[in-house]
Amino acid sequence: MDGLTPSILQRGHLTCHCLLIETRDSLVLVDTGYGLKDVHDPHSRLSEFFLKQLKPDLRDEMTARRQIENLGFRADDVRHILLSHLDFDHAGGLDDFPSAKVHMMQTEIQGARAQKTWLDRQRFRPQQWSTERNWLAYHAESGESWYGFAKVHALEGLPPEILMLPLIGHTLGHAGVAIQRAEGWLLYAGDAYFYEGEMNVEKPHCTPGLTLYQIMMEKDRRSRLWNQNRLRELVKLHGHDIDIFCAHDVAEFTRLAGRSPDVPVRPLPKEETTRDRDFPREQPLH
């Protein structure tokens, strides 16, 4: 499953990779992972099918909200959430940030709300959507170009260094998030791929377990494989400028975060935290 666990009789390990971005006046969270309500009452929030299949390690201290608080911030400092898609393991923490604007693709909202198939009803959990009034939708028919990707969106209320680009296939409105830093771009590909070997330009490969899981979960196989190939081309042509990573690969998380995904983020040193300075206060959205 993960390319690391030595035996098929042992449980493999994946991670739910979220990003926290500090802008001039707020925090921006990219995906939310599981939330506090998922941890405390999983059987009313998550499907029994996925609870049995994935056996998620649900811990209070590992939720995005608790880790953000551990860094010295407040939950309401998170003014924006960029959501790659509405699967339960990416959207479970929406409830923990009730005042945040939530940015995602319009086709993702439509597909999740439709609940057309049994699997849709297991993966898209309206129990996690208490903040629907704060959702902002972007249309795939419009947008700009970015490194050959079309229909890329600047986001309302956010600086131009943060972009959302459609990467459909896993879901009908799946998207990645690109963040420009002084040293180059970060591209969070969400569930456009699951295993770091899939971005190997010379010989792309994936574990058997994750190959089957991606096939099981895909909404548009042709688009999913096409977008994976486009990401590999991006690595080939611009890998020196763009660092691409996905949501669930443990090795990628460890490389970027500098720590194991099994432990929460460490508190920032006093001189680096914003505990003693407030972001400008805004009126709540509700």
C-alpha atoms as a PDB file:
ATOM      1  CA  MET A   1       0.000   0.000   0.000  1.00  0.00           C
ATOM      2  CA  ASP A   2       2.596   2.587   1.031  1.00  0.00           C
ATOM      3  CA  GLY A   3       5.840   1.213  -0.380  1.00  0.00           C
ATOM      4  CA  LEU A   4       7.368   1.289   3.116  1.00  0.00           C
ATOM      5  CA  THR A   5       5.623  -1.366   5.215  1.00  0.00           C
ATOM      6  CA  PRO A   6       7.666  -4.602   4.917  1.00  0.00           C
ATOM      7  CA  SER A   7       4.771  -7.086   4.937  1.00  0.00           C
ATOM      8  CA  ILE A   8       1.304  -7.229   3.408  1.00  0.00           C
ATOM      9  CA  LEU A   9       0.158  -8.561   6.772  1.00  0.00           C
ATOM     10  CA  GLN A  10       1.073  -5.261   8.426  1.00  0.00           C
ATOM     11  CA  ARG A  11      -0.968  -2.105   8.313  1.00  0.00           C
ATOM     12  CA  GLY A  12       0.302   0.469   5.816  1.00  0.00           C
ATOM     13  CA  HIS A  13       0.560   4.157   6.596  1.00  0.00           C
ATOM     14  CA  LEU A  14      -0.741   7.192   4.738  1.00  0.00           C
ATOM     15  CA  THR A  15      -1.052  10.783   5.883  1.00  0.00           C
ATOM     16  CA  CYS A  16      -3.542  13.627   5.468  1.00  0.00           C
ATOM     17  CA  HIS A  17      -1.274  16.468   4.375  1.00  0.00           C
ATOM     18  CA  CYS A  18      -2.562  19.974   5.130  1.00  0.00           C
ATOM     19  CA  LEU A  19      -0.731  23.274   4.669  1.00  0.00           C
ATOM     20  CA  LEU A  20      -0.886  26.451   6.726  1.00  0.00           C
ATOM     21  CA  ILE A  21       0.049  29.719   5.023  1.00  0.00           C
ATOM     22  CA  GLU A  22       0.574  32.992   6.859  1.00  0.00           C
ATOM     23  CA  THR A  23      -0.296  36.050   4.795  1.00  0.00           C
ATOM     24  CA  ARG A  24      -0.068  39.683   5.845  1.00  0.00           C
ATOM     25  CA  ASP A  25      -3.471  39.726   7.521  1.00  0.00           C
ATOM     26  CA  SER A  26      -4.620  36.148   8.114  1.00  0.00           C
ATOM     27  CA  LEU A  27      -3.950  32.431   7.939  1.00  0.00           C
ATOM     28  CA  VAL A  28      -4.862  30.276   4.952  1.00  0.00           C
ATOM     29  CA  LEU A  29      -5.425  26.546   5.413  1.00  0.00           C
ATOM     30  CA  VAL A  30      -5.104  24.196   2.435  1.00  0.00           C
ATOM     31  CA  ASP A  31      -7.339  21.173   3.107  1.00  0.00           C
ATOM     32  CA  THR A  32      -8.440  20.373   6.645  1.00  0.00           C
ATOM     33  CA  GLY A  33      -7.957  16.630   7.175  1.00  0.00           C
ATOM     34  CA  TYR A  34     -10.175  15.069   9.795  1.00  0.00           C
ATOM     35  CA  GLY A  35     -11.798  17.441  12.277  1.00  0.00           C
ATOM     36  CA  LEU A  36     -12.513  17.449  15.989  1.00  0.00           C
ATOM     37  CA  LYS A  37     -16.058  16.156  15.477  1.00  0.00           C
ATOM     38  CA  ASP A  38     -14.722  13.284  13.364  1.00  0.00           C
ATOM     39  CA  VAL A  39     -12.359  12.379  16.209  1.00  0.00           C
ATOM     40  CA  HIS A  40     -14.972  12.531  18.950  1.00  0.00           C
ATOM     41  CA  ASP A  41     -17.913  10.960  17.099  1.00  0.00           C
ATOM     42  CA  PRO A  42     -16.629   9.167  13.993  1.00  0.00           C
ATOM     43  CA  HIS A  43     -19.605   6.831  13.543  1.00  0.00           C
ATOM     44  CA  SER A  44     -22.053   9.691  13.018  1.00  0.00           C
ATOM     45  CA  ARG A  45     -19.715  11.565  10.681  1.00  0.00           C
ATOM     46  CA  LEU A  46     -17.830   8.991   8.625  1.00  0.00           C
ATOM     47  CA  SER A  47     -19.083   5.980   6.722  1.00  0.00           C
ATOM     48  CA  GLU A  48     -18.659   2.568   8.313  1.00  0.00           C
ATOM     49  CA  PHE A  49     -17.248   1.335   4.999  1.00  0.00           C
ATOM     50  CA  PHE A  50     -14.282   3.724   5.124  1.00  0.00           C
ATOM     51  CA  LEU A  51     -13.827   3.430   8.880  1.00  0.00           C
ATOM     52  CA  LYS A  52     -13.356  -0.317   8.467  1.00  0.00           C
ATOM     53  CA  GLN A  53     -11.312  -0.074   5.284  1.00  0.00           C
ATOM     54  CA  LEU A  54      -8.915   2.712   6.298  1.00  0.00           C
ATOM     55  CA  LYS A  55      -8.985   2.472  10.117  1.00  0.00           C
ATOM     56  CA  PRO A  56      -7.963   6.135  10.507  1.00  0.00           C
ATOM     57  CA  ASP A  57      -5.881   7.087  13.536  1.00  0.00           C
ATOM     58  CA  LEU A  58      -8.218   9.762  14.891  1.00  0.00           C
ATOM     59  CA  ARG A  59      -6.439  11.872  17.518  1.00  0.00           C
ATOM     60  CA  ASP A  60      -7.487  15.246  18.886  1.00  0.00           C
ATOM     61  CA  GLU A  61      -3.940  16.637  18.858  1.00  0.00           C
ATOM     62  CA  MET A  62      -3.449  15.746  15.194  1.00  0.00           C
ATOM     63  CA  THR A  63      -6.381  17.803  13.876  1.00  0.00           C
ATOM     64  CA  ALA A  64      -5.543  20.968  11.957  1.00  0.00           C
ATOM     65  CA  ARG A  65      -7.231  23.125  14.582  1.00  0.00           C
ATOM     66  CA  ARG A  66      -5.231  21.737  17.492  1.00  0.00           C
ATOM     67  CA  GLN A  67      -1.951  21.982  15.584  1.00  0.00           C
ATOM     68  CA  ILE A  68      -2.709  25.584  14.582  1.00  0.00           C
ATOM     69  CA  GLU A  69      -3.426  26.396  18.224  1.00  0.00           C
ATOM     70  CA  ASN A  70      -0.209  24.627  19.167  1.00  0.00           C
ATOM     71  CA  LEU A  71       1.642  27.088  16.938  1.00  0.00           C
ATOM     72  CA  GLY A  72       0.238  29.986  18.948  1.00  0.00           C
ATOM     73  CA  PHE A  73      -2.569  31.005  16.603  1.00  0.00           C
ATOM     74  CA  ARG A  74      -6.325  31.057  17.102  1.00  0.00           C
ATOM     75  CA  ALA A  75      -8.851  29.155  15.021  1.00  0.00           C
ATOM     76  CA  ASP A  76     -10.467  32.406  13.862  1.00  0.00           C
ATOM     77  CA  ASP A  77      -7.114  33.558  12.481  1.00  0.00           C
ATOM     78  CA  VAL A  78      -7.874  31.107   9.662  1.00  0.00           C
ATOM     79  CA  ARG A  79      -9.874  33.351   7.330  1.00  0.00           C
ATOM     80  CA  HIS A  80      -9.582  31.200   4.212  1.00  0.00           C
ATOM     81  CA  ILE A  81      -9.647  27.467   3.488  1.00  0.00           C
ATOM     82  CA  LEU A  82      -8.633  26.174   0.058  1.00  0.00           C
ATOM     83  CA  LEU A  83     -10.224  22.783  -0.501  1.00  0.00           C
ATOM     84  CA  SER A  84      -8.856  20.382  -3.086  1.00  0.00           C
ATOM     85  CA  HIS A  85     -12.111  18.400  -2.921  1.00  0.00           C
ATOM     86  CA  LEU A  86     -14.875  17.382  -0.560  1.00  0.00           C
ATOM     87  CA  ASP A  87     -13.838  13.831   0.346  1.00  0.00           C
ATOM     88  CA  PHE A  88     -14.330  13.149   4.054  1.00  0.00           C
ATOM     89  CA  ASP A  89     -10.598  13.033   4.844  1.00  0.00           C
ATOM     90  CA  HIS A  90     -10.004  16.467   3.310  1.00  0.00           C
ATOM     91  CA  ALA A  91     -13.112  18.323   4.479  1.00  0.00           C
ATOM     92  CA  GLY A  92     -13.670  16.938   7.987  1.00  0.00           C
ATOM     93  CA  GLY A  93     -12.130  19.969   9.694  1.00  0.00           C
ATOM     94  CA  LEU A  94     -14.353  22.565   8.028  1.00  0.00           C
ATOM     95  CA  ASP A  95     -16.524  22.685  11.157  1.00  0.00           C
ATOM     96  CA  ASP A  96     -13.499  23.713  13.226  1.00  0.00           C
ATOM     97  CA  PHE A  97     -13.167  27.026  11.356  1.00  0.00           C
ATOM     98  CA  PRO A  98     -16.743  28.355  11.198  1.00  0.00           C
ATOM     99  CA  SER A  99     -15.802  31.872  10.070  1.00  0.00           C
ATOM    100  CA  ALA A 100     -13.443  30.927   7.245  1.00  0.00           C
ATOM    101  CA  LYS A 101     -14.302  31.425   3.590  1.00  0.00           C
ATOM    102  CA  VAL A 102     -13.978  28.087   1.791  1.00  0.00           C
ATOM    103  CA  HIS A 103     -12.695  28.169  -1.788  1.00  0.00           C
ATOM    104  CA  MET A 104     -13.300  25.253  -4.178  1.00  0.00           C
ATOM    105  CA  MET A 105     -14.438  24.419  -7.694  1.00  0.00           C
ATOM    106  CA  GLN A 106     -18.133  24.713  -8.556  1.00  0.00           C
ATOM    107  CA  THR A 107     -18.175  21.257 -10.147  1.00  0.00           C
ATOM    108  CA  GLU A 108     -16.922  19.775  -6.862  1.00  0.00           C
ATOM    109  CA  ILE A 109     -19.835  21.251  -4.959  1.00  0.00           C
ATOM    110  CA  GLN A 110     -22.313  20.054  -7.580  1.00  0.00           C
ATOM    111  CA  GLY A 111     -20.902  16.530  -7.699  1.00  0.00           C
ATOM    112  CA  ALA A 112     -20.747  16.150  -3.934  1.00  0.00           C
ATOM    113  CA  ARG A 113     -24.260  17.443  -3.396  1.00  0.00           C
ATOM    114  CA  ALA A 114     -25.711  15.171  -6.081  1.00  0.00           C
ATOM    115  CA  GLN A 115     -24.844  12.007  -4.081  1.00  0.00           C
ATOM    116  CA  LYS A 116     -25.488   9.970  -7.227  1.00  0.00           C
ATOM    117  CA  THR A 117     -23.884   6.667  -6.273  1.00  0.00           C
ATOM    118  CA  TRP A 118     -23.431   4.542  -3.170  1.00  0.00           C
ATOM    119  CA  LEU A 119     -19.729   5.402  -3.131  1.00  0.00           C
ATOM    120  CA  ASP A 120     -20.529   9.122  -3.428  1.00  0.00           C
ATOM    121  CA  ARG A 121     -22.652   8.848  -0.308  1.00  0.00           C
ATOM    122  CA  GLN A 122     -19.769   7.209   1.560  1.00  0.00           C
ATOM    123  CA  ARG A 123     -17.067   9.684   0.486  1.00  0.00           C
ATOM    124  CA  PHE A 124     -19.015  12.987   0.494  1.00  0.00           C
ATOM    125  CA  ARG A 125     -20.382  13.535   3.994  1.00  0.00           C
ATOM    126  CA  PRO A 126     -22.877  16.409   4.405  1.00  0.00           C
ATOM    127  CA  GLN A 127     -22.451  15.952   8.161  1.00  0.00           C
ATOM    128  CA  GLN A 128     -19.157  17.833   7.708  1.00  0.00           C
ATOM    129  CA  TRP A 129     -20.648  20.771   5.808  1.00  0.00           C
ATOM    130  CA  SER A 130     -21.929  23.104   8.517  1.00  0.00           C
ATOM    131  CA  THR A 131     -20.085  26.026   6.851  1.00  0.00           C
ATOM    132  CA  GLU A 132     -21.785  25.785   3.448  1.00  0.00           C
ATOM    133  CA  ARG A 133     -22.901  29.400   3.773  1.00  0.00           C
ATOM    134  CA  ASN A 134     -19.224  30.414   3.560  1.00  0.00           C
ATOM    135  CA  TRP A 135     -18.367  28.457   0.400  1.00  0.00           C
ATOM    136  CA  LEU A 136     -17.009  30.323  -2.631  1.00  0.00           C
ATOM    137  CA  ALA A 137     -17.195  28.496  -5.967  1.00  0.00           C
ATOM    138  CA  TYR A 138     -14.939  28.909  -9.003  1.00  0.00           C
ATOM    139  CA  HIS A 139     -15.962  27.911 -12.514  1.00  0.00           C
ATOM    140  CA  ALA A 140     -13.740  25.648 -14.625  1.00  0.00           C
ATOM    141  CA  GLU A 141     -14.789  27.480 -17.799  1.00  0.00           C
ATOM    142  CA  SER A 142     -12.750  30.555 -16.861  1.00  0.00           C
ATOM    143  CA  GLY A 143      -9.281  31.281 -15.566  1.00  0.00           C
ATOM    144  CA  GLU A 144      -5.719  32.070 -16.591  1.00  0.00           C
ATOM    145  CA  SER A 145      -2.721  30.004 -17.718  1.00  0.00           C
ATOM    146  CA  TRP A 146       0.051  28.772 -15.392  1.00  0.00           C
ATOM    147  CA  TYR A 147       2.984  26.680 -16.682  1.00  0.00           C
ATOM    148  CA  GLY A 148       0.747  25.277 -19.402  1.00  0.00           C
ATOM    149  CA  PHE A 149      -2.225  24.584 -17.120  1.00  0.00           C
ATOM    150  CA  ALA A 150      -5.355  26.449 -18.206  1.00  0.00           C
ATOM    151  CA  LYS A 151      -8.308  27.726 -16.165  1.00  0.00           C
ATOM    152  CA  VAL A 152      -6.136  28.587 -13.167  1.00  0.00           C
ATOM    153  CA  HIS A 153      -7.826  30.873 -10.654  1.00  0.00           C
ATOM    154  CA  ALA A 154      -6.639  33.729  -8.510  1.00  0.00           C
ATOM    155  CA  LEU A 155      -8.690  33.589  -5.323  1.00  0.00           C
ATOM    156  CA  GLU A 156     -10.968  36.192  -3.859  1.00  0.00           C
ATOM    157  CA  GLY A 157      -9.385  38.021  -0.924  1.00  0.00           C
ATOM    158  CA  LEU A 158      -6.019  36.259  -1.296  1.00  0.00           C
ATOM    159  CA  PRO A 159      -2.686  37.444  -2.686  1.00  0.00           C
ATOM    160  CA  PRO A 160      -1.747  36.550  -6.288  1.00  0.00           C
ATOM    161  CA  GLU A 161       0.957  34.178  -5.030  1.00  0.00           C
ATOM    162  CA  ILE A 162      -1.753  31.627  -4.183  1.00  0.00           C
ATOM    163  CA  LEU A 163      -3.585  29.939  -7.066  1.00  0.00           C
ATOM    164  CA  MET A 164      -6.075  27.110  -7.568  1.00  0.00           C
ATOM    165  CA  LEU A 165      -5.845  24.915 -10.660  1.00  0.00           C
ATOM    166  CA  PRO A 166      -8.296  22.213 -11.760  1.00  0.00           C
ATOM    167  CA  LEU A 167      -6.912  18.654 -11.634  1.00  0.00           C
ATOM    168  CA  ILE A 168     -10.093  16.695 -12.217  1.00  0.00           C
ATOM    169  CA  GLY A 169     -10.355  12.930 -12.251  1.00  0.00           C
ATOM    170  CA  HIS A 170     -10.283  11.763  -8.657  1.00  0.00           C
ATOM    171  CA  THR A 171     -13.447  13.833  -8.304  1.00  0.00           C
ATOM    172  CA  LEU A 172     -15.251  15.983 -10.842  1.00  0.00           C
ATOM    173  CA  GLY A 173     -14.080  19.220  -9.243  1.00  0.00           C
ATOM    174  CA  HIS A 174     -10.741  18.183  -7.809  1.00  0.00           C
ATOM    175  CA  ALA A 175      -8.136  20.974  -7.733  1.00  0.00           C
ATOM    176  CA  GLY A 176      -4.540  21.611  -6.780  1.00  0.00           C
ATOM    177  CA  VAL A 177      -3.126  24.657  -5.011  1.00  0.00           C
ATOM    178  CA  ALA A 178       0.042  26.482  -6.076  1.00  0.00           C
ATOM    179  CA  ILE A 179       1.927  28.732  -3.655  1.00  0.00           C
ATOM    180  CA  GLN A 180       4.770  30.978  -4.803  1.00  0.00           C
ATOM    181  CA  ARG A 181       7.691  31.387  -2.420  1.00  0.00           C
ATOM    182  CA  ALA A 182      11.013  33.169  -2.814  1.00  0.00           C
ATOM    183  CA  GLU A 183      12.707  29.826  -3.558  1.00  0.00           C
ATOM    184  CA  GLY A 184      10.091  28.696  -6.070  1.00  0.00           C
ATOM    185  CA  TRP A 185       6.578  27.276  -6.287  1.00  0.00           C
ATOM    186  CA  LEU A 186       4.952  24.639  -4.105  1.00  0.00           C
ATOM    187  CA  LEU A 187       2.234  22.690  -5.897  1.00  0.00           C
ATOM    188  CA  TYR A 188      -0.084  20.706  -3.670  1.00  0.00           C
ATOM    189  CA  ALA A 189      -1.684  18.149  -5.997  1.00  0.00           C
ATOM    190  CA  GLY A 190      -4.160  16.743  -3.461  1.00  0.00           C
ATOM    191  CA  ASP A 191      -5.362  13.323  -4.634  1.00  0.00           C
ATOM    192  CA  ALA A 192      -4.314  13.791  -8.270  1.00  0.00           C
ATOM    193  CA  TYR A 193      -1.825  11.066  -7.369  1.00  0.00           C
ATOM    194  CA  PHE A 194      -1.147   9.063  -4.194  1.00  0.00           C
ATOM    195  CA  TYR A 195       2.419   7.776  -4.333  1.00  0.00           C
ATOM    196  CA  GLU A 196       5.668   9.682  -4.929  1.00  0.00           C
ATOM    197  CA  GLY A 197       6.794   7.150  -7.548  1.00  0.00           C
ATOM    198  CA  GLU A 198       3.977   8.293  -9.816  1.00  0.00           C
ATOM    199  CA  MET A 199       5.919  11.507 -10.416  1.00  0.00           C
ATOM    200  CA  ASN A 200       9.028   9.610 -11.543  1.00  0.00           C
ATOM    201  CA  VAL A 201       9.588  11.010 -15.035  1.00  0.00           C
ATOM    202  CA  GLU A 202      11.583   8.062 -16.393  1.00  0.00           C
ATOM    203  CA  LYS A 203       9.623   5.192 -14.883  1.00  0.00           C
ATOM    204  CA  PRO A 204       6.390   6.181 -13.128  1.00  0.00           C
ATOM    205  CA  HIS A 205       5.122   3.531 -10.738  1.00  0.00           C
ATOM    206  CA  CYS A 206       2.684   3.051  -7.897  1.00  0.00           C
ATOM    207  CA  THR A 207       2.074   0.402  -5.267  1.00  0.00           C
ATOM    208  CA  PRO A 208      -0.608  -2.212  -6.093  1.00  0.00           C
ATOM    209  CA  GLY A 209      -2.772  -1.157  -3.168  1.00  0.00           C
ATOM    210  CA  LEU A 210      -2.808   2.530  -4.068  1.00  0.00           C
ATOM    211  CA  THR A 211      -3.293   1.735  -7.749  1.00  0.00           C
ATOM    212  CA  LEU A 212      -6.470  -0.181  -6.902  1.00  0.00           C
ATOM    213  CA  TYR A 213      -7.622   2.486  -4.446  1.00  0.00           C
ATOM    214  CA  GLN A 214      -7.268   5.229  -7.045  1.00  0.00           C
ATOM    215  CA  ILE A 215      -9.246   3.204  -9.576  1.00  0.00           C
ATOM    216  CA  MET A 216     -11.957   2.566  -7.004  1.00  0.00           C
ATOM    217  CA  MET A 217     -12.255   6.260  -6.121  1.00  0.00           C
ATOM    218  CA  GLU A 218     -11.884   7.885  -9.553  1.00  0.00           C
ATOM    219  CA  LYS A 219     -14.816   9.771 -11.054  1.00  0.00           C
ATOM    220  CA  ASP A 220     -13.184  10.339 -14.460  1.00  0.00           C
ATOM    221  CA  ARG A 221     -10.394   7.873 -15.277  1.00  0.00           C
ATOM    222  CA  ARG A 222      -9.295   9.489 -18.543  1.00  0.00           C
ATOM    223  CA  SER A 223      -8.937  12.923 -16.936  1.00  0.00           C
ATOM    224  CA  ARG A 224      -7.188  11.517 -13.868  1.00  0.00           C
ATOM    225  CA  LEU A 225      -4.503   9.781 -15.907  1.00  0.00           C
ATOM    226  CA  TRP A 226      -4.161  12.749 -18.249  1.00  0.00           C
ATOM    227  CA  ASN A 227      -3.607  15.118 -15.327  1.00  0.00           C
ATOM    228  CA  GLN A 228      -1.058  12.770 -13.765  1.00  0.00           C
ATOM    229  CA  ASN A 229       0.852  12.836 -17.037  1.00  0.00           C
ATOM    230  CA  ARG A 230       0.667  16.636 -17.118  1.00  0.00           C
ATOM    231  CA  LEU A 231       2.117  16.765 -13.610  1.00  0.00           C
ATOM    232  CA  ARG A 232       4.996  14.514 -14.675  1.00  0.00           C
ATOM    233  CA  GLU A 233       5.652  16.827 -17.606  1.00  0.00           C
ATOM    234  CA  LEU A 234       5.725  19.712 -15.151  1.00  0.00           C
ATOM    235  CA  VAL A 235       8.346  17.865 -13.110  1.00  0.00           C
ATOM    236  CA  LYS A 236      10.358  17.139 -16.239  1.00  0.00           C
ATOM    237  CA  LEU A 237      10.299  20.690 -17.607  1.00  0.00           C
ATOM    238  CA  HIS A 238      10.115  22.807 -14.451  1.00  0.00           C
ATOM    239  CA  GLY A 239      11.117  20.560 -11.571  1.00  0.00           C
ATOM    240  CA  HIS A 240      13.823  23.041 -10.560  1.00  0.00           C
ATOM    241  CA  ASP A 241      11.158  25.744 -10.081  1.00  0.00           C
ATOM    242  CA  ILE A 242       8.201  23.729  -8.755  1.00  0.00           C
ATOM    243  CA  ASP A 243       8.036  21.267  -5.852  1.00  0.00           C
ATOM    244  CA  ILE A 244       5.045  18.957  -6.409  1.00  0.00           C
ATOM    245  CA  PHE A 245       3.570  16.804  -3.651  1.00  0.00           C
ATOM    246  CA  CYS A 246       0.305  15.013  -2.929  1.00  0.00           C
ATOM    247  CA  ALA A 247      -1.976  14.597   0.057  1.00  0.00           C
ATOM    248  CA  HIS A 248      -1.217  11.114   1.327  1.00  0.00           C
ATOM    249  CA  ASP A 249       2.395  10.127   0.663  1.00  0.00           C
ATOM    250  CA  VAL A 250       4.329   9.708   3.924  1.00  0.00           C
ATOM    251  CA  ALA A 251       7.761  10.165   2.342  1.00  0.00           C
ATOM    252  CA  GLU A 252       6.724  13.449   0.730  1.00  0.00           C
ATOM    253  CA  PHE A 253       5.274  14.740   3.978  1.00  0.00           C
ATOM    254  CA  THR A 254       8.408  13.818   5.917  1.00  0.00           C
ATOM    255  CA  ARG A 255      10.643  15.511   3.351  1.00  0.00           C
ATOM    256  CA  LEU A 256       8.683  18.753   3.351  1.00  0.00           C
ATOM    257  CA  ALA A 257       7.704  18.963   7.012  1.00  0.00           C
ATOM    258  CA  GLY A 258      10.991  17.689   8.421  1.00  0.00           C
ATOM    259  CA  ARG A 259       9.189  15.407  10.857  1.00  0.00           C
ATOM    260  CA  SER A 260       7.155  12.217  11.007  1.00  0.00           C
ATOM    261  CA  PRO A 261       3.436  12.550  10.225  1.00  0.00           C
ATOM    262  CA  ASP A 262       2.786  10.536  13.395  1.00  0.00           C
ATOM    263  CA  VAL A 263       3.542  13.522  15.641  1.00  0.00           C
ATOM    264  CA  PRO A 264       1.963  17.002  15.754  1.00  0.00           C
ATOM    265  CA  VAL A 265       3.838  20.136  14.827  1.00  0.00           C
ATOM    266  CA  ARG A 266       6.083  21.570  17.537  1.00  0.00           C
ATOM    267  CA  PRO A 267       5.215  24.969  19.039  1.00  0.00           C
ATOM    268  CA  LEU A 268       7.084  27.865  17.470  1.00  0.00           C
ATOM    269  CA  PRO A 269       9.760  29.666  19.489  1.00  0.00           C
ATOM    270  CA  LYS A 270       8.358  32.708  21.271  1.00  0.00           C
ATOM    271  CA  GLU A 271      10.077  35.153  18.934  1.00  0.00           C
ATOM    272  CA  GLU A 272       8.527  33.489  15.870  1.00  0.00           C
ATOM    273  CA  THR A 273       4.942  33.105  17.016  1.00  0.00           C
ATOM    274  CA  THR A 274       2.130  35.575  16.443  1.00  0.00           C
ATOM    275  CA  ARG A 275       0.664  34.796  19.851  1.00  0.00           C
ATOM    276  CA  ASP A 276       1.392  38.331  21.017  1.00  0.00           C
ATOM    277  CA  ARG A 277       0.153  40.135  17.918  1.00  0.00           C
ATOM    278  CA  ASP A 278      -3.298  40.024  16.439  1.00  0.00           C
ATOM    279  CA  PHE A 279      -4.217  39.827  12.814  1.00  0.00           C
ATOM    280  CA  PRO A 280      -6.633  42.627  11.920  1.00  0.00           C
ATOM    281  CA  ARG A 281     -10.045  41.589  13.187  1.00  0.00           C
ATOM    282  CA  GLU A 282     -12.865  41.156  10.683  1.00  0.00           C
ATOM    283  CA  GLN A 283     -16.578  40.818  11.216  1.00  0.00           C
ATOM    284  CA  PRO A 284     -17.627  37.150  11.287  1.00  0.00           C
ATOM    285  CA  LEU A 285     -19.332  35.758   8.230  1.00  0.00           C
ATOM    286  CA  HIS A 286     -22.429  34.742  10.167  1.00  0.00           C
END
